[in-house]
All heavy atoms as atom14 arrays in JSON, in Angstrom:
{
  "sequence": "VIGDTTIAENRADCSFIWENTYDEESQINEYAVTFFLRED",
  "atom14_mask": [
    [1, 1, 1, 1, 1, 1, 1, 0, 0, 0, 0, 0, 0, 0],
    [1, 1, 1, 1, 1, 1, 1, 1, 0, 0, 0, 0, 0, 0],
    [1, 1, 1, 1, 0, 0, 0, 0, 0, 0, 0, 0, 0, 0],
    [1, 1, 1, 1, 1, 1, 1, 1, 0, 0, 0, 0, 0, 0],
    [1, 1, 1, 1, 1, 1, 1, 0, 0, 0, 0, 0, 0, 0],
    [1, 1, 1, 1, 1, 1, 1, 0, 0, 0, 0, 0, 0, 0],
    [1, 1, 1, 1, 1, 1, 1, 1, 0, 0, 0, 0, 0, 0],
    [1, 1, 1, 1, 1, 0, 0, 0, 0, 0, 0, 0, 0, 0],
    [1, 1, 1, 1, 1, 1, 1, 1, 1, 0, 0, 0, 0, 0],
    [1, 1, 1, 1, 1, 1, 1, 1, 0, 0, 0, 0, 0, 0],
    [1, 1, 1, 1, 1, 1, 1, 1, 1, 1, 1, 0, 0, 0],
    [1, 1, 1, 1, 1, 0, 0, 0, 0, 0, 0, 0, 0, 0],
    [1, 1, 1, 1, 1, 1, 1, 1, 0, 0, 0, 0, 0, 0],
    [1, 1, 1, 1, 1, 1, 0, 0, 0, 0, 0, 0, 0, 0],
    [1, 1, 1, 1, 1, 1, 0, 0, 0, 0, 0, 0, 0, 0],
    [1, 1, 1, 1, 1, 1, 1, 1, 1, 1, 1, 0, 0, 0],
    [1, 1, 1, 1, 1, 1, 1, 1, 0, 0, 0, 0, 0, 0],
    [1, 1, 1, 1, 1, 1, 1, 1, 1, 1, 1, 1, 1, 1],
    [1, 1, 1, 1, 1, 1, 1, 1, 1, 0, 0, 0, 0, 0],
    [1, 1, 1, 1, 1, 1, 1, 1, 0, 0, 0, 0, 0, 0],
    [1, 1, 1, 1, 1, 1, 1, 0, 0, 0, 0, 0, 0, 0],
    [1, 1, 1, 1, 1, 1, 1, 1, 1, 1, 1, 1, 0, 0],
    [1, 1, 1, 1, 1, 1, 1, 1, 0, 0, 0, 0, 0, 0],
    [1, 1, 1, 1, 1, 1, 1, 1, 1, 0, 0, 0, 0, 0],
    [1, 1, 1, 1, 1, 1, 1, 1, 1, 0, 0, 0, 0, 0],
    [1, 1, 1, 1, 1, 1, 0, 0, 0, 0, 0, 0, 0, 0],
    [1, 1, 1, 1, 1, 1, 1, 1, 1, 0, 0, 0, 0, 0],
    [1, 1, 1, 1, 1, 1, 1, 1, 0, 0, 0, 0, 0, 0],
    [1, 1, 1, 1, 1, 1, 1, 1, 0, 0, 0, 0, 0, 0],
    [1, 1, 1, 1, 1, 1, 1, 1, 1, 0, 0, 0, 0, 0],
    [1, 1, 1, 1, 1, 1, 1, 1, 1, 1, 1, 1, 0, 0],
    [1, 1, 1, 1, 1, 0, 0, 0, 0, 0, 0, 0, 0, 0],
    [1, 1, 1, 1, 1, 1, 1, 0, 0, 0, 0, 0, 0, 0],
    [1, 1, 1, 1, 1, 1, 1, 0, 0, 0, 0, 0, 0, 0],
    [1, 1, 1, 1, 1, 1, 1, 1, 1, 1, 1, 0, 0, 0],
    [1, 1, 1, 1, 1, 1, 1, 1, 1, 1, 1, 0, 0, 0],
    [1, 1, 1, 1, 1, 1, 1, 1, 0, 0, 0, 0, 0, 0],
    [1, 1, 1, 1, 1, 1, 1, 1, 1, 1, 1, 0, 0, 0],
    [1, 1, 1, 1, 1, 1, 1, 1, 1, 0, 0, 0, 0, 0],
    [1, 1, 1, 1, 1, 1, 1, 1, 0, 0, 0, 0, 0, 0]
  ],
  "atom14_positions": [
    [[-150.52, -15.34, 10.28], [-150.45, -16.66, 10.94], [-149.73, -16.61, 12.26], [-150.25, -17.05, 13.28], [-149.75, -17.67, 9.99], [-149.7, -19.03, 10.66], [-150.5, -17.76, 8.66], [0.0, 0.0, 0.0], [0.0, 0.0, 0.0], [0.0, 0.0, 0.0], [0.0, 0.0, 0.0], [0.0, 0.0, 0.0], [0.0, 0.0, 0.0], [0.0, 0.0, 0.0]],
    [[-148.51, -16.08, 12.32], [-147.78, -16.14, 13.59], [-147.57, -14.78, 14.22], [-147.14, -14.77, 15.38], [-146.4, -16.78, 13.35], [-145.49, -15.97, 12.42], [-146.53, -18.22, 12.82], [-144.08, -16.47, 12.33], [0.0, 0.0, 0.0], [0.0, 0.0, 0.0], [0.0, 0.0, 0.0], [0.0, 0.0, 0.0], [0.0, 0.0, 0.0], [0.0, 0.0, 0.0]],
    [[-147.88, -13.69, 13.54], [-147.7, -12.38, 14.14], [-148.53, -12.23, 15.4], [-149.71, -12.59, 15.43], [0.0, 0.0, 0.0], [0.0, 0.0, 0.0], [0.0, 0.0, 0.0], [0.0, 0.0, 0.0], [0.0, 0.0, 0.0], [0.0, 0.0, 0.0], [0.0, 0.0, 0.0], [0.0, 0.0, 0.0], [0.0, 0.0, 0.0], [0.0, 0.0, 0.0]],
    [[-147.89, -11.68, 16.46], [-148.56, -11.43, 17.72], [-149.17, -12.64, 18.37], [-150.16, -12.59, 19.08], [-149.65, -10.35, 17.54], [-149.08, -9.04, 17.0], [-148.04, -8.64, 17.45], [-149.67, -8.51, 16.06], [0.0, 0.0, 0.0], [0.0, 0.0, 0.0], [0.0, 0.0, 0.0], [0.0, 0.0, 0.0], [0.0, 0.0, 0.0], [0.0, 0.0, 0.0]],
    [[-148.55, -13.81, 18.18], [-148.93, -15.05, 18.89], [-147.83, -15.49, 19.79], [-146.68, -15.09, 19.68], [-149.21, -16.19, 17.86], [-148.01, -16.52, 17.18], [-150.29, -15.81, 16.84], [0.0, 0.0, 0.0], [0.0, 0.0, 0.0], [0.0, 0.0, 0.0], [0.0, 0.0, 0.0], [0.0, 0.0, 0.0], [0.0, 0.0, 0.0], [0.0, 0.0, 0.0]],
    [[-148.19, -16.31, 20.78], [-147.2, -16.86, 21.69], [-147.27, -18.36, 21.64], [-148.33, -18.99, 21.64], [-147.56, -16.41, 23.15], [-147.49, -14.98, 23.2], [-146.6, -17.0, 24.13], [0.0, 0.0, 0.0], [0.0, 0.0, 0.0], [0.0, 0.0, 0.0], [0.0, 0.0, 0.0], [0.0, 0.0, 0.0], [0.0, 0.0, 0.0], [0.0, 0.0, 0.0]],
    [[-146.08, -19.01, 21.54], [-145.91, -20.43, 21.5], [-145.13, -20.85, 22.71], [-144.11, -20.25, 23.04], [-145.21, -20.84, 20.21], [-145.94, -20.3, 18.96], [-145.07, -22.4, 20.13], [-145.14, -20.4, 17.68], [0.0, 0.0, 0.0], [0.0, 0.0, 0.0], [0.0, 0.0, 0.0], [0.0, 0.0, 0.0], [0.0, 0.0, 0.0], [0.0, 0.0, 0.0]],
    [[-145.57, -21.89, 23.38], [-144.84, -22.41, 24.56], [-144.78, -23.93, 24.5], [-145.69, -24.58, 23.99], [-145.56, -21.96, 25.83], [0.0, 0.0, 0.0], [0.0, 0.0, 0.0], [0.0, 0.0, 0.0], [0.0, 0.0, 0.0], [0.0, 0.0, 0.0], [0.0, 0.0, 0.0], [0.0, 0.0, 0.0], [0.0, 0.0, 0.0], [0.0, 0.0, 0.0]],
    [[-143.66, -24.45, 24.99], [-143.5, -25.89, 24.97], [-142.66, -26.3, 26.19], [-141.67, -25.61, 26.53], [-142.81, -26.35, 23.7], [-142.77, -27.88, 23.55], [-142.33, -28.28, 22.14], [-142.54, -27.49, 21.2], [-141.82, -29.44, 22.03], [0.0, 0.0, 0.0], [0.0, 0.0, 0.0], [0.0, 0.0, 0.0], [0.0, 0.0, 0.0], [0.0, 0.0, 0.0]],
    [[-143.03, -27.38, 26.81], [-142.33, -27.86, 28.0], [-141.77, -29.24, 27.75], [-142.5, -30.15, 27.35], [-143.3, -27.89, 29.2], [-142.6, -28.28, 30.49], [-141.43, -27.96, 30.7], [-143.31, -29.02, 31.34], [0.0, 0.0, 0.0], [0.0, 0.0, 0.0], [0.0, 0.0, 0.0], [0.0, 0.0, 0.0], [0.0, 0.0, 0.0], [0.0, 0.0, 0.0]],
    [[-140.46, -29.39, 27.94], [-139.82, -30.71, 27.79], [-139.04, -31.05, 29.02], [-138.93, -30.22, 29.93], [-138.92, -30.69, 26.54], [-139.65, -30.38, 25.23], [-138.88, -30.83, 24.04], [-139.6, -30.54, 22.79], [-139.23, -31.02, 21.62], [-138.17, -31.76, 21.53], [-139.95, -30.7, 20.52], [0.0, 0.0, 0.0], [0.0, 0.0, 0.0], [0.0, 0.0, 0.0]],
    [[-138.49, -32.22, 29.07], [-137.84, -32.72, 30.28], [-136.67, -31.86, 30.71], [-136.54, -31.52, 31.9], [-137.37, -34.15, 30.07], [0.0, 0.0, 0.0], [0.0, 0.0, 0.0], [0.0, 0.0, 0.0], [0.0, 0.0, 0.0], [0.0, 0.0, 0.0], [0.0, 0.0, 0.0], [0.0, 0.0, 0.0], [0.0, 0.0, 0.0], [0.0, 0.0, 0.0]],
    [[-135.81, -31.45, 29.76], [-134.58, -30.75, 30.13], [-134.64, -29.28, 29.77], [-133.7, -28.51, 30.12], [-133.37, -31.42, 29.47], [-133.12, -32.79, 29.99], [-133.32, -32.98, 31.22], [-132.75, -33.69, 29.2], [0.0, 0.0, 0.0], [0.0, 0.0, 0.0], [0.0, 0.0, 0.0], [0.0, 0.0, 0.0], [0.0, 0.0, 0.0], [0.0, 0.0, 0.0]],
    [[-135.67, -28.86, 29.05], [-135.76, -27.43, 28.7], [-137.19, -27.1, 28.32], [-137.98, -27.96, 28.0], [-134.84, -27.12, 27.53], [-135.24, -28.01, 26.0], [0.0, 0.0, 0.0], [0.0, 0.0, 0.0], [0.0, 0.0, 0.0], [0.0, 0.0, 0.0], [0.0, 0.0, 0.0], [0.0, 0.0, 0.0], [0.0, 0.0, 0.0], [0.0, 0.0, 0.0]],
    [[-137.5, -25.82, 28.5], [-138.83, -25.28, 28.11], [-138.57, -23.96, 27.46], [-137.52, -23.34, 27.63], [-139.73, -25.12, 29.34], [-139.9, -26.35, 30.02], [0.0, 0.0, 0.0], [0.0, 0.0, 0.0], [0.0, 0.0, 0.0], [0.0, 0.0, 0.0], [0.0, 0.0, 0.0], [0.0, 0.0, 0.0], [0.0, 0.0, 0.0], [0.0, 0.0, 0.0]],
    [[-139.56, -23.51, 26.65], [-139.42, -22.16, 26.09], [-140.76, -21.51, 25.88], [-141.79, -22.15, 25.81], [-138.7, -22.27, 24.71], [-139.54, -22.82, 23.58], [-140.34, -22.04, 22.81], [-139.48, -24.21, 23.32], [-141.11, -22.57, 21.81], [-140.25, -24.73, 22.26], [-141.03, -23.91, 21.52], [0.0, 0.0, 0.0], [0.0, 0.0, 0.0], [0.0, 0.0, 0.0]],
    [[-140.73, -20.18, 25.86], [-141.85, -19.34, 25.55], [-141.42, -18.48, 24.36], [-140.45, -17.75, 24.44], [-142.29, -18.47, 26.69], [-142.68, -19.33, 27.94], [-143.47, -17.54, 26.3], [-142.93, -18.53, 29.17], [0.0, 0.0, 0.0], [0.0, 0.0, 0.0], [0.0, 0.0, 0.0], [0.0, 0.0, 0.0], [0.0, 0.0, 0.0], [0.0, 0.0, 0.0]],
    [[-142.15, -18.58, 23.25], [-141.8, -17.92, 21.99], [-142.89, -16.88, 21.68], [-144.0, -17.21, 21.26], [-141.76, -18.97, 20.89], [-141.19, -18.56, 19.58], [-141.58, -17.52, 18.8], [-140.1, -19.19, 18.91], [-140.85, -17.45, 17.63], [-139.89, -18.48, 17.69], [-139.29, -20.29, 19.19], [-138.94, -18.83, 16.74], [-138.31, -20.64, 18.26], [-138.14, -19.95, 17.06]],
    [[-142.52, -15.63, 21.89], [-143.49, -14.52, 21.71], [-143.23, -13.75, 20.43], [-142.09, -13.31, 20.19], [-143.44, -13.55, 22.92], [-143.77, -14.21, 24.24], [-143.57, -13.26, 25.39], [-142.43, -13.13, 25.83], [-144.56, -12.69, 25.85], [0.0, 0.0, 0.0], [0.0, 0.0, 0.0], [0.0, 0.0, 0.0], [0.0, 0.0, 0.0], [0.0, 0.0, 0.0]],
    [[-144.23, -13.65, 19.57], [-144.06, -12.96, 18.3], [-144.69, -11.59, 18.36], [-145.79, -11.4, 18.89], [-144.72, -13.74, 17.18], [-144.09, -15.1, 16.96], [-143.07, -15.2, 16.26], [-144.66, -16.13, 17.53], [0.0, 0.0, 0.0], [0.0, 0.0, 0.0], [0.0, 0.0, 0.0], [0.0, 0.0, 0.0], [0.0, 0.0, 0.0], [0.0, 0.0, 0.0]],
    [[-144.02, -10.6, 17.78], [-144.59, -9.27, 17.61], [-144.31, -8.81, 16.2], [-143.13, -8.71, 15.77], [-143.96, -8.27, 18.6], [-144.11, -8.75, 19.96], [-144.62, -6.9, 18.48], [0.0, 0.0, 0.0], [0.0, 0.0, 0.0], [0.0, 0.0, 0.0], [0.0, 0.0, 0.0], [0.0, 0.0, 0.0], [0.0, 0.0, 0.0], [0.0, 0.0, 0.0]],
    [[-145.39, -8.58, 15.46], [-145.23, -8.22, 14.02], [-145.54, -6.7, 13.8], [-146.56, -6.21, 14.28], [-146.15, -9.09, 13.16], [-146.11, -8.71, 11.69], [-145.01, -9.02, 10.91], [-147.16, -8.04, 11.07], [-144.95, -8.71, 9.57], [-147.09, -7.72, 9.73], [-145.99, -8.06, 8.99], [-145.94, -7.74, 7.63], [0.0, 0.0, 0.0], [0.0, 0.0, 0.0]],
    [[-144.66, -6.07, 13.05], [-144.86, -4.68, 12.66], [-145.17, -4.63, 11.2], [-144.33, -4.89, 10.34], [-143.61, -3.85, 12.97], [-143.84, -2.36, 12.66], [-144.44, -1.66, 13.45], [-143.42, -1.93, 11.54], [0.0, 0.0, 0.0], [0.0, 0.0, 0.0], [0.0, 0.0, 0.0], [0.0, 0.0, 0.0], [0.0, 0.0, 0.0], [0.0, 0.0, 0.0]],
    [[-146.41, -4.28, 10.88], [-146.88, -4.33, 9.49], [-146.19, -3.32, 8.59], [-145.94, -3.56, 7.41], [-148.4, -4.16, 9.39], [-148.97, -4.5, 8.06], [-150.46, -4.71, 8.12], [-151.01, -4.89, 9.23], [-151.07, -4.8, 7.04], [0.0, 0.0, 0.0], [0.0, 0.0, 0.0], [0.0, 0.0, 0.0], [0.0, 0.0, 0.0], [0.0, 0.0, 0.0]],
    [[-145.84, -2.17, 9.12], [-145.21, -1.13, 8.31], [-143.82, -1.56, 7.84], [-143.43, -1.4, 6.68], [-145.13, 0.16, 9.12], [-144.49, 1.32, 8.28], [-144.49, 2.64, 9.1], [-145.07, 2.66, 10.19], [-143.86, 3.61, 8.6], [0.0, 0.0, 0.0], [0.0, 0.0, 0.0], [0.0, 0.0, 0.0], [0.0, 0.0, 0.0], [0.0, 0.0, 0.0]],
    [[-143.02, -2.14, 8.75], [-141.66, -2.56, 8.4], [-141.6, -3.96, 7.87], [-140.59, -4.39, 7.31], [-140.77, -2.44, 9.63], [-141.16, -3.38, 10.63], [0.0, 0.0, 0.0], [0.0, 0.0, 0.0], [0.0, 0.0, 0.0], [0.0, 0.0, 0.0], [0.0, 0.0, 0.0], [0.0, 0.0, 0.0], [0.0, 0.0, 0.0], [0.0, 0.0, 0.0]],
    [[-142.71, -4.73, 8.03], [-142.81, -6.13, 7.67], [-141.82, -6.99, 8.45], [-141.39, -8.06, 8.01], [-142.56, -6.32, 6.17], [-143.59, -5.67, 5.28], [-143.26, -5.84, 3.81], [-143.02, -4.86, 3.08], [-143.27, -7.06, 3.33], [0.0, 0.0, 0.0], [0.0, 0.0, 0.0], [0.0, 0.0, 0.0], [0.0, 0.0, 0.0], [0.0, 0.0, 0.0]],
    [[-141.46, -6.54, 9.67], [-140.52, -7.26, 10.5], [-141.23, -7.93, 11.66], [-142.07, -7.3, 12.34], [-139.41, -6.32, 10.99], [-138.56, -5.84, 9.8], [-138.54, -6.99, 12.06], [-137.49, -4.83, 10.17], [0.0, 0.0, 0.0], [0.0, 0.0, 0.0], [0.0, 0.0, 0.0], [0.0, 0.0, 0.0], [0.0, 0.0, 0.0], [0.0, 0.0, 0.0]],
    [[-140.89, -9.18, 11.88], [-141.44, -9.93, 13.02], [-140.33, -10.12, 14.07], [-139.22, -10.54, 13.75], [-141.92, -11.3, 12.55], [-142.75, -11.99, 13.63], [-143.94, -11.71, 13.78], [-142.14, -12.91, 14.32], [0.0, 0.0, 0.0], [0.0, 0.0, 0.0], [0.0, 0.0, 0.0], [0.0, 0.0, 0.0], [0.0, 0.0, 0.0], [0.0, 0.0, 0.0]],
    [[-140.64, -9.77, 15.3], [-139.7, -9.96, 16.41], [-140.06, -11.25, 17.16], [-141.2, -11.45, 17.52], [-139.73, -8.78, 17.4], [-138.83, -8.98, 18.6], [-139.01, -7.89, 19.62], [-138.41, -6.81, 19.48], [-139.76, -8.13, 20.61], [0.0, 0.0, 0.0], [0.0, 0.0, 0.0], [0.0, 0.0, 0.0], [0.0, 0.0, 0.0], [0.0, 0.0, 0.0]],
    [[-139.06, -12.07, 17.36], [-139.21, -13.26, 18.19], [-138.5, -12.98, 19.51], [-137.27, -12.78, 19.53], [-138.54, -14.5, 17.58], [-139.03, -14.92, 16.21], [-138.31, -14.59, 15.06], [-140.15, -15.68, 16.08], [-138.71, -15.01, 13.81], [-140.6, -16.1, 14.82], [-139.89, -15.79, 13.7], [-140.31, -16.2, 12.48], [0.0, 0.0, 0.0], [0.0, 0.0, 0.0]],
    [[-139.23, -12.99, 20.61], [-138.63, -13.0, 21.93], [-138.73, -14.38, 22.48], [-139.81, -14.88, 22.81], [-139.34, -11.99, 22.84], [0.0, 0.0, 0.0], [0.0, 0.0, 0.0], [0.0, 0.0, 0.0], [0.0, 0.0, 0.0], [0.0, 0.0, 0.0], [0.0, 0.0, 0.0], [0.0, 0.0, 0.0], [0.0, 0.0, 0.0], [0.0, 0.0, 0.0]],
    [[-137.57, -15.09, 22.55], [-137.59, -16.49, 22.93], [-136.96, -16.62, 24.32], [-135.74, -16.32, 24.49], [-136.82, -17.36, 21.92], [-137.0, -18.84, 22.23], [-137.27, -17.06, 20.5], [0.0, 0.0, 0.0], [0.0, 0.0, 0.0], [0.0, 0.0, 0.0], [0.0, 0.0, 0.0], [0.0, 0.0, 0.0], [0.0, 0.0, 0.0], [0.0, 0.0, 0.0]],
    [[-137.72, -17.05, 25.28], [-137.24, -17.23, 26.64], [-137.06, -18.71, 26.89], [-137.99, -19.51, 26.73], [-138.23, -16.64, 27.67], [-138.36, -15.22, 27.43], [-137.69, -16.81, 29.1], [0.0, 0.0, 0.0], [0.0, 0.0, 0.0], [0.0, 0.0, 0.0], [0.0, 0.0, 0.0], [0.0, 0.0, 0.0], [0.0, 0.0, 0.0], [0.0, 0.0, 0.0]],
    [[-135.87, -19.1, 27.28], [-135.55, -20.52, 27.56], [-135.4, -20.75, 29.04], [-134.91, -19.91, 29.83], [-134.21, -20.88, 26.9], [-134.16, -20.61, 25.43], [-133.62, -19.43, 24.92], [-134.65, -21.54, 24.51], [-133.56, -19.21, 23.57], [-134.62, -21.32, 23.18], [-134.09, -20.15, 22.68], [0.0, 0.0, 0.0], [0.0, 0.0, 0.0], [0.0, 0.0, 0.0]],
    [[-135.81, -21.91, 29.45], [-135.57, -22.4, 30.81], [-134.76, -23.71, 30.66], [-135.33, -24.75, 30.28], [-136.89, -22.63, 31.57], [-137.74, -21.41, 31.65], [-138.64, -21.06, 30.63], [-137.62, -20.56, 32.75], [-139.43, -19.92, 30.73], [-138.38, -19.4, 32.86], [-139.28, -19.07, 31.84], [0.0, 0.0, 0.0], [0.0, 0.0, 0.0], [0.0, 0.0, 0.0]],
    [[-133.49, -23.63, 30.96], [-132.58, -24.72, 30.67], [-132.23, -25.46, 31.98], [-131.78, -24.83, 32.94], [-131.28, -24.2, 30.01], [-131.51, -23.35, 28.78], [-130.2, -22.73, 28.32], [-132.15, -24.18, 27.65], [0.0, 0.0, 0.0], [0.0, 0.0, 0.0], [0.0, 0.0, 0.0], [0.0, 0.0, 0.0], [0.0, 0.0, 0.0], [0.0, 0.0, 0.0]],
    [[-132.4, -26.74, 31.99], [-132.17, -27.57, 33.19], [-130.63, -27.73, 33.41], [-129.9, -28.11, 32.52], [-132.79, -28.95, 33.04], [-132.69, -29.81, 34.27], [-133.32, -31.16, 34.03], [-133.2, -32.08, 35.15], [-134.07, -32.13, 36.15], [-135.13, -31.34, 36.16], [-133.89, -32.99, 37.16], [0.0, 0.0, 0.0], [0.0, 0.0, 0.0], [0.0, 0.0, 0.0]],
    [[-130.17, -27.35, 34.6], [-128.79, -27.51, 34.97], [-128.53, -28.86, 35.61], [-129.47, -29.63, 35.89], [-128.4, -26.39, 35.98], [-128.65, -25.0, 35.47], [-127.62, -24.51, 34.49], [-126.97, -25.32, 33.82], [-127.43, -23.26, 34.44], [0.0, 0.0, 0.0], [0.0, 0.0, 0.0], [0.0, 0.0, 0.0], [0.0, 0.0, 0.0], [0.0, 0.0, 0.0]],
    [[-127.27, -29.21, 35.84], [-126.91, -30.53, 36.38], [-127.49, -30.7, 37.81], [-127.74, -31.82, 38.2], [-125.38, -30.68, 36.41], [-124.79, -30.78, 35.02], [-125.55, -31.13, 34.09], [-123.62, -30.47, 34.86], [0.0, 0.0, 0.0], [0.0, 0.0, 0.0], [0.0, 0.0, 0.0], [0.0, 0.0, 0.0], [0.0, 0.0, 0.0], [0.0, 0.0, 0.0]]
  ]
}
């Protein structure tokens, strides 16, 4: 379902890109989450 997919969302004060990488041998999913946070 979510392995090797990318999720992105844009909001008023923050945005993010959520990249999934799944390794079937170890059964471990890596989330690389990049945030763009609005400053004052």
